[in-house]
Amino acid sequence: MKPKTAASRARVIDPLPSCQGCHLTMSAAELTRINSLAIDELVRCEECRRILIRIT
């Protein structure tokens, strides 16, 4: 298994929910979809494919 690096993951920041890796702003529909997923489900940015870390 490859070690995880900071370049392979990014946080989602409010008030403008966006990937902090590629800065893609997420739509309200995408944010609702992400928030409805199980807490242990892996979420990736649609643009850069980084793993998104949900901050609650």
PDB file of N, CA and C in Angstrom:
ATOM      1  N   MET A   1       0.833  -1.168   0.000  1.00  0.00           N
ATOM      2  CA  MET A   1       0.000   0.000   0.000  1.00  0.00           C
ATOM      3  C   MET A   1       0.887   1.244   0.000  1.00  0.00           C
ATOM      4  N   LYS A   2       0.560   2.211  -0.858  1.00  0.00           N
ATOM      5  CA  LYS A   2       1.328   3.445  -0.928  1.00  0.00           C
ATOM      6  C   LYS A   2       1.071   4.306   0.303  1.00  0.00           C
ATOM      7  N   PRO A   3       2.110   4.958   0.830  1.00  0.00           N
ATOM      8  CA  PRO A   3       1.879   5.862   1.953  1.00  0.00           C
ATOM      9  C   PRO A   3       1.093   7.086   1.492  1.00  0.00           C
ATOM     10  N   LYS A   4       0.248   7.595   2.366  1.00  0.00           N
ATOM     11  CA  LYS A   4      -0.537   8.782   2.042  1.00  0.00           C
ATOM     12  C   LYS A   4       0.338  10.017   2.219  1.00  0.00           C
ATOM     13  N   THR A   5       0.223  10.939   1.291  1.00  0.00           N
ATOM     14  CA  THR A   5       0.957  12.193   1.394  1.00  0.00           C
ATOM     15  C   THR A   5      -0.034  13.336   1.428  1.00  0.00           C
ATOM     16  N   ALA A   6       0.433  14.494   1.835  1.00  0.00           N
ATOM     17  CA  ALA A   6      -0.438  15.672   1.886  1.00  0.00           C
ATOM     18  C   ALA A   6      -0.989  16.004   0.508  1.00  0.00           C
ATOM     19  N   ALA A   7      -0.273  15.675  -0.541  1.00  0.00           N
ATOM     20  CA  ALA A   7      -0.731  15.983  -1.899  1.00  0.00           C
ATOM     21  C   ALA A   7      -1.890  15.100  -2.339  1.00  0.00           C
ATOM     22  N   SER A   8      -2.152  14.027  -1.622  1.00  0.00           N
ATOM     23  CA  SER A   8      -3.216  13.116  -2.043  1.00  0.00           C
ATOM     24  C   SER A   8      -4.535  13.359  -1.320  1.00  0.00           C
ATOM     25  N   ARG A   9      -4.570  14.371  -0.436  1.00  0.00           N
ATOM     26  CA  ARG A   9      -5.823  14.670   0.256  1.00  0.00           C
ATOM     27  C   ARG A   9      -5.983  16.179   0.438  1.00  0.00           C
ATOM     28  N   ALA A  10      -7.227  16.600   0.633  1.00  0.00           N
ATOM     29  CA  ALA A  10      -7.523  18.020   0.793  1.00  0.00           C
ATOM     30  C   ALA A  10      -8.743  18.179   1.675  1.00  0.00           C
ATOM     31  N   ARG A  11      -8.836  19.310   2.331  1.00  0.00           N
ATOM     32  CA  ARG A  11      -9.987  19.582   3.192  1.00  0.00           C
ATOM     33  C   ARG A  11     -11.066  20.310   2.406  1.00  0.00           C
ATOM     34  N   VAL A  12     -12.293  20.228   2.909  1.00  0.00           N
ATOM     35  CA  VAL A  12     -13.411  21.007   2.386  1.00  0.00           C
ATOM     36  C   VAL A  12     -13.641  22.130   3.385  1.00  0.00           C
ATOM     37  N   ILE A  13     -13.562  23.377   2.916  1.00  0.00           N
ATOM     38  CA  ILE A  13     -13.652  24.537   3.791  1.00  0.00           C
ATOM     39  C   ILE A  13     -14.930  25.309   3.519  1.00  0.00           C
ATOM     40  N   ASP A  14     -15.624  25.728   4.590  1.00  0.00           N
ATOM     41  CA  ASP A  14     -16.757  26.649   4.485  1.00  0.00           C
ATOM     42  C   ASP A  14     -16.216  28.051   4.706  1.00  0.00           C
ATOM     43  N   PRO A  15     -16.908  29.121   4.319  1.00  0.00           N
ATOM     44  CA  PRO A  15     -18.270  29.225   3.818  1.00  0.00           C
ATOM     45  C   PRO A  15     -18.399  28.889   2.338  1.00  0.00           C
ATOM     46  N   LEU A  16     -17.335  28.965   1.571  1.00  0.00           N
ATOM     47  CA  LEU A  16     -17.401  28.514   0.181  1.00  0.00           C
ATOM     48  C   LEU A  16     -16.824  27.111   0.147  1.00  0.00           C
ATOM     49  N   PRO A  17     -17.690  26.095   0.164  1.00  0.00           N
ATOM     50  CA  PRO A  17     -17.162  24.730   0.174  1.00  0.00           C
ATOM     51  C   PRO A  17     -16.373  24.448  -1.101  1.00  0.00           C
ATOM     52  N   SER A  18     -15.109  24.161  -0.921  1.00  0.00           N
ATOM     53  CA  SER A  18     -14.260  23.909  -2.079  1.00  0.00           C
ATOM     54  C   SER A  18     -13.148  22.947  -1.694  1.00  0.00           C
ATOM     55  N   CYS A  19     -12.616  22.301  -2.695  1.00  0.00           N
ATOM     56  CA  CYS A  19     -11.455  21.443  -2.512  1.00  0.00           C
ATOM     57  C   CYS A  19     -10.251  22.358  -2.312  1.00  0.00           C
ATOM     58  N   GLN A  20      -9.523  22.159  -1.245  1.00  0.00           N
ATOM     59  CA  GLN A  20      -8.358  22.996  -0.991  1.00  0.00           C
ATOM     60  C   GLN A  20      -7.136  22.523  -1.767  1.00  0.00           C
ATOM     61  N   GLY A  21      -7.294  21.468  -2.554  1.00  0.00           N
ATOM     62  CA  GLY A  21      -6.218  21.004  -3.423  1.00  0.00           C
ATOM     63  C   GLY A  21      -6.243  21.726  -4.758  1.00  0.00           C
ATOM     64  N   CYS A  22      -7.413  21.678  -5.439  1.00  0.00           N
ATOM     65  CA  CYS A  22      -7.541  22.293  -6.765  1.00  0.00           C
ATOM     66  C   CYS A  22      -8.432  23.536  -6.744  1.00  0.00           C
ATOM     67  N   HIS A  23      -9.054  23.814  -5.588  1.00  0.00           N
ATOM     68  CA  HIS A  23      -9.908  24.994  -5.377  1.00  0.00           C
ATOM     69  C   HIS A  23     -11.211  24.951  -6.155  1.00  0.00           C
ATOM     70  N   LEU A  24     -11.651  23.771  -6.532  1.00  0.00           N
ATOM     71  CA  LEU A  24     -12.948  23.627  -7.180  1.00  0.00           C
ATOM     72  C   LEU A  24     -14.036  23.920  -6.155  1.00  0.00           C
ATOM     73  N   THR A  25     -14.928  24.869  -6.461  1.00  0.00           N
ATOM     74  CA  THR A  25     -16.047  25.181  -5.584  1.00  0.00           C
ATOM     75  C   THR A  25     -17.150  24.169  -5.830  1.00  0.00           C
ATOM     76  N   MET A  26     -17.696  23.636  -4.747  1.00  0.00           N
ATOM     77  CA  MET A  26     -18.732  22.613  -4.858  1.00  0.00           C
ATOM     78  C   MET A  26     -20.111  23.245  -4.860  1.00  0.00           C
ATOM     79  N   SER A  27     -20.986  22.678  -5.668  1.00  0.00           N
ATOM     80  CA  SER A  27     -22.369  23.157  -5.722  1.00  0.00           C
ATOM     81  C   SER A  27     -23.102  22.721  -4.456  1.00  0.00           C
ATOM     82  N   ALA A  28     -24.244  23.355  -4.205  1.00  0.00           N
ATOM     83  CA  ALA A  28     -25.068  22.982  -3.049  1.00  0.00           C
ATOM     84  C   ALA A  28     -25.513  21.530  -3.158  1.00  0.00           C
ATOM     85  N   ALA A  29     -25.837  21.089  -4.365  1.00  0.00           N
ATOM     86  CA  ALA A  29     -26.271  19.703  -4.576  1.00  0.00           C
ATOM     87  C   ALA A  29     -25.140  18.724  -4.260  1.00  0.00           C
ATOM     88  N   GLU A  30     -23.930  19.044  -4.674  1.00  0.00           N
ATOM     89  CA  GLU A  30     -22.781  18.169  -4.407  1.00  0.00           C
ATOM     90  C   GLU A  30     -22.488  18.130  -2.909  1.00  0.00           C
ATOM     91  N   LEU A  31     -22.572  19.274  -2.251  1.00  0.00           N
ATOM     92  CA  LEU A  31     -22.329  19.320  -0.816  1.00  0.00           C
ATOM     93  C   LEU A  31     -23.381  18.517  -0.054  1.00  0.00           C
ATOM     94  N   THR A  32     -24.635  18.601  -0.476  1.00  0.00           N
ATOM     95  CA  THR A  32     -25.712  17.819   0.138  1.00  0.00           C
ATOM     96  C   THR A  32     -25.454  16.329  -0.045  1.00  0.00           C
ATOM     97  N   ARG A  33     -25.015  15.942  -1.244  1.00  0.00           N
ATOM     98  CA  ARG A  33     -24.711  14.537  -1.518  1.00  0.00           C
ATOM     99  C   ARG A  33     -23.582  14.045  -0.611  1.00  0.00           C
ATOM    100  N   ILE A  34     -22.546  14.829  -0.483  1.00  0.00           N
ATOM    101  CA  ILE A  34     -21.405  14.443   0.352  1.00  0.00           C
ATOM    102  C   ILE A  34     -21.829  14.313   1.812  1.00  0.00           C
ATOM    103  N   ASN A  35     -22.610  15.277   2.285  1.00  0.00           N
ATOM    104  CA  ASN A  35     -23.036  15.257   3.687  1.00  0.00           C
ATOM    105  C   ASN A  35     -23.996  14.119   3.998  1.00  0.00           C
ATOM    106  N   SER A  36     -24.658  13.579   2.982  1.00  0.00           N
ATOM    107  CA  SER A  36     -25.598  12.483   3.215  1.00  0.00           C
ATOM    108  C   SER A  36     -24.913  11.111   3.223  1.00  0.00           C
ATOM    109  N   LEU A  37     -23.647  11.059   2.848  1.00  0.00           N
ATOM    110  CA  LEU A  37     -22.910   9.794   2.835  1.00  0.00           C
ATOM    111  C   LEU A  37     -22.549   9.366   4.250  1.00  0.00           C
ATOM    112  N   ALA A  38     -22.314   8.089   4.409  1.00  0.00           N
ATOM    113  CA  ALA A  38     -21.864   7.575   5.707  1.00  0.00           C
ATOM    114  C   ALA A  38     -20.538   8.231   6.072  1.00  0.00           C
ATOM    115  N   ILE A  39     -20.335   8.459   7.362  1.00  0.00           N
ATOM    116  CA  ILE A  39     -19.148   9.161   7.834  1.00  0.00           C
ATOM    117  C   ILE A  39     -17.850   8.437   7.459  1.00  0.00           C
ATOM    118  N   ASP A  40     -17.908   7.116   7.295  1.00  0.00           N
ATOM    119  CA  ASP A  40     -16.703   6.361   6.952  1.00  0.00           C
ATOM    120  C   ASP A  40     -16.536   6.136   5.447  1.00  0.00           C
ATOM    121  N   GLU A  41     -17.407   6.728   4.645  1.00  0.00           N
ATOM    122  CA  GLU A  41     -17.313   6.574   3.193  1.00  0.00           C
ATOM    123  C   GLU A  41     -16.287   7.557   2.622  1.00  0.00           C
ATOM    124  N   LEU A  42     -15.454   7.052   1.720  1.00  0.00           N
ATOM    125  CA  LEU A  42     -14.414   7.856   1.090  1.00  0.00           C
ATOM    126  C   LEU A  42     -15.025   8.799   0.063  1.00  0.00           C
ATOM    127  N   VAL A  43     -14.643  10.077   0.129  1.00  0.00           N
ATOM    128  CA  VAL A  43     -15.146  11.080  -0.805  1.00  0.00           C
ATOM    129  C   VAL A  43     -13.956  11.669  -1.549  1.00  0.00           C
ATOM    130  N   ARG A  44     -14.076  11.742  -2.877  1.00  0.00           N
ATOM    131  CA  ARG A  44     -12.994  12.305  -3.694  1.00  0.00           C
ATOM    132  C   ARG A  44     -13.484  13.523  -4.455  1.00  0.00           C
ATOM    133  N   CYS A  45     -12.582  14.464  -4.697  1.00  0.00           N
ATOM    134  CA  CYS A  45     -12.884  15.633  -5.513  1.00  0.00           C
ATOM    135  C   CYS A  45     -13.113  15.164  -6.950  1.00  0.00           C
ATOM    136  N   GLU A  46     -14.169  15.659  -7.558  1.00  0.00           N
ATOM    137  CA  GLU A  46     -14.487  15.266  -8.932  1.00  0.00           C
ATOM    138  C   GLU A  46     -13.445  15.776  -9.932  1.00  0.00           C
ATOM    139  N   GLU A  47     -12.755  16.857  -9.599  1.00  0.00           N
ATOM    140  CA  GLU A  47     -11.783  17.458 -10.517  1.00  0.00           C
ATOM    141  C   GLU A  47     -10.391  16.825 -10.395  1.00  0.00           C
ATOM    142  N   CYS A  48      -9.825  16.839  -9.185  1.00  0.00           N
ATOM    143  CA  CYS A  48      -8.439  16.393  -9.011  1.00  0.00           C
ATOM    144  C   CYS A  48      -8.314  15.003  -8.385  1.00  0.00           C
ATOM    145  N   ARG A  49      -9.428  14.420  -7.929  1.00  0.00           N
ATOM    146  CA  ARG A  49      -9.500  13.077  -7.344  1.00  0.00           C
ATOM    147  C   ARG A  49      -8.815  12.962  -5.984  1.00  0.00           C
ATOM    148  N   ARG A  50      -8.451  14.076  -5.367  1.00  0.00           N
ATOM    149  CA  ARG A  50      -7.916  14.014  -4.011  1.00  0.00           C
ATOM    150  C   ARG A  50      -9.004  13.535  -3.062  1.00  0.00           C
ATOM    151  N   ILE A  51      -8.603  12.902  -1.986  1.00  0.00           N
ATOM    152  CA  ILE A  51      -9.540  12.488  -0.950  1.00  0.00           C
ATOM    153  C   ILE A  51      -9.947  13.742  -0.184  1.00  0.00           C
ATOM    154  N   LEU A  52     -11.258  13.942  -0.048  1.00  0.00           N
ATOM    155  CA  LEU A  52     -11.755  15.102   0.681  1.00  0.00           C
ATOM    156  C   LEU A  52     -11.971  14.731   2.140  1.00  0.00           C
ATOM    157  N   ILE A  53     -11.474  15.560   3.017  1.00  0.00           N
ATOM    158  CA  ILE A  53     -11.626  15.359   4.451  1.00  0.00           C
ATOM    159  C   ILE A  53     -12.738  16.274   4.923  1.00  0.00           C
ATOM    160  N   ARG A  54     -13.797  15.660   5.433  1.00  0.00           N
ATOM    161  CA  ARG A  54     -14.946  16.440   5.906  1.00  0.00           C
ATOM    162  C   ARG A  54     -14.676  16.941   7.315  1.00  0.00           C
ATOM    163  N   ILE A  55     -14.801  18.253   7.493  1.00  0.00           N
ATOM    164  CA  ILE A  55     -14.619  18.884   8.797  1.00  0.00           C
ATOM    165  C   ILE A  55     -15.997  19.223   9.343  1.00  0.00           C
ATOM    166  N   THR A  56     -16.319  18.705  10.521  1.00  0.00           N
ATOM    167  CA  THR A  56     -17.637  18.984  11.104  1.00  0.00           C
ATOM    168  C   THR A  56     -17.521  19.892  12.296  1.00  0.00           C
TER     169      THR A  56
END
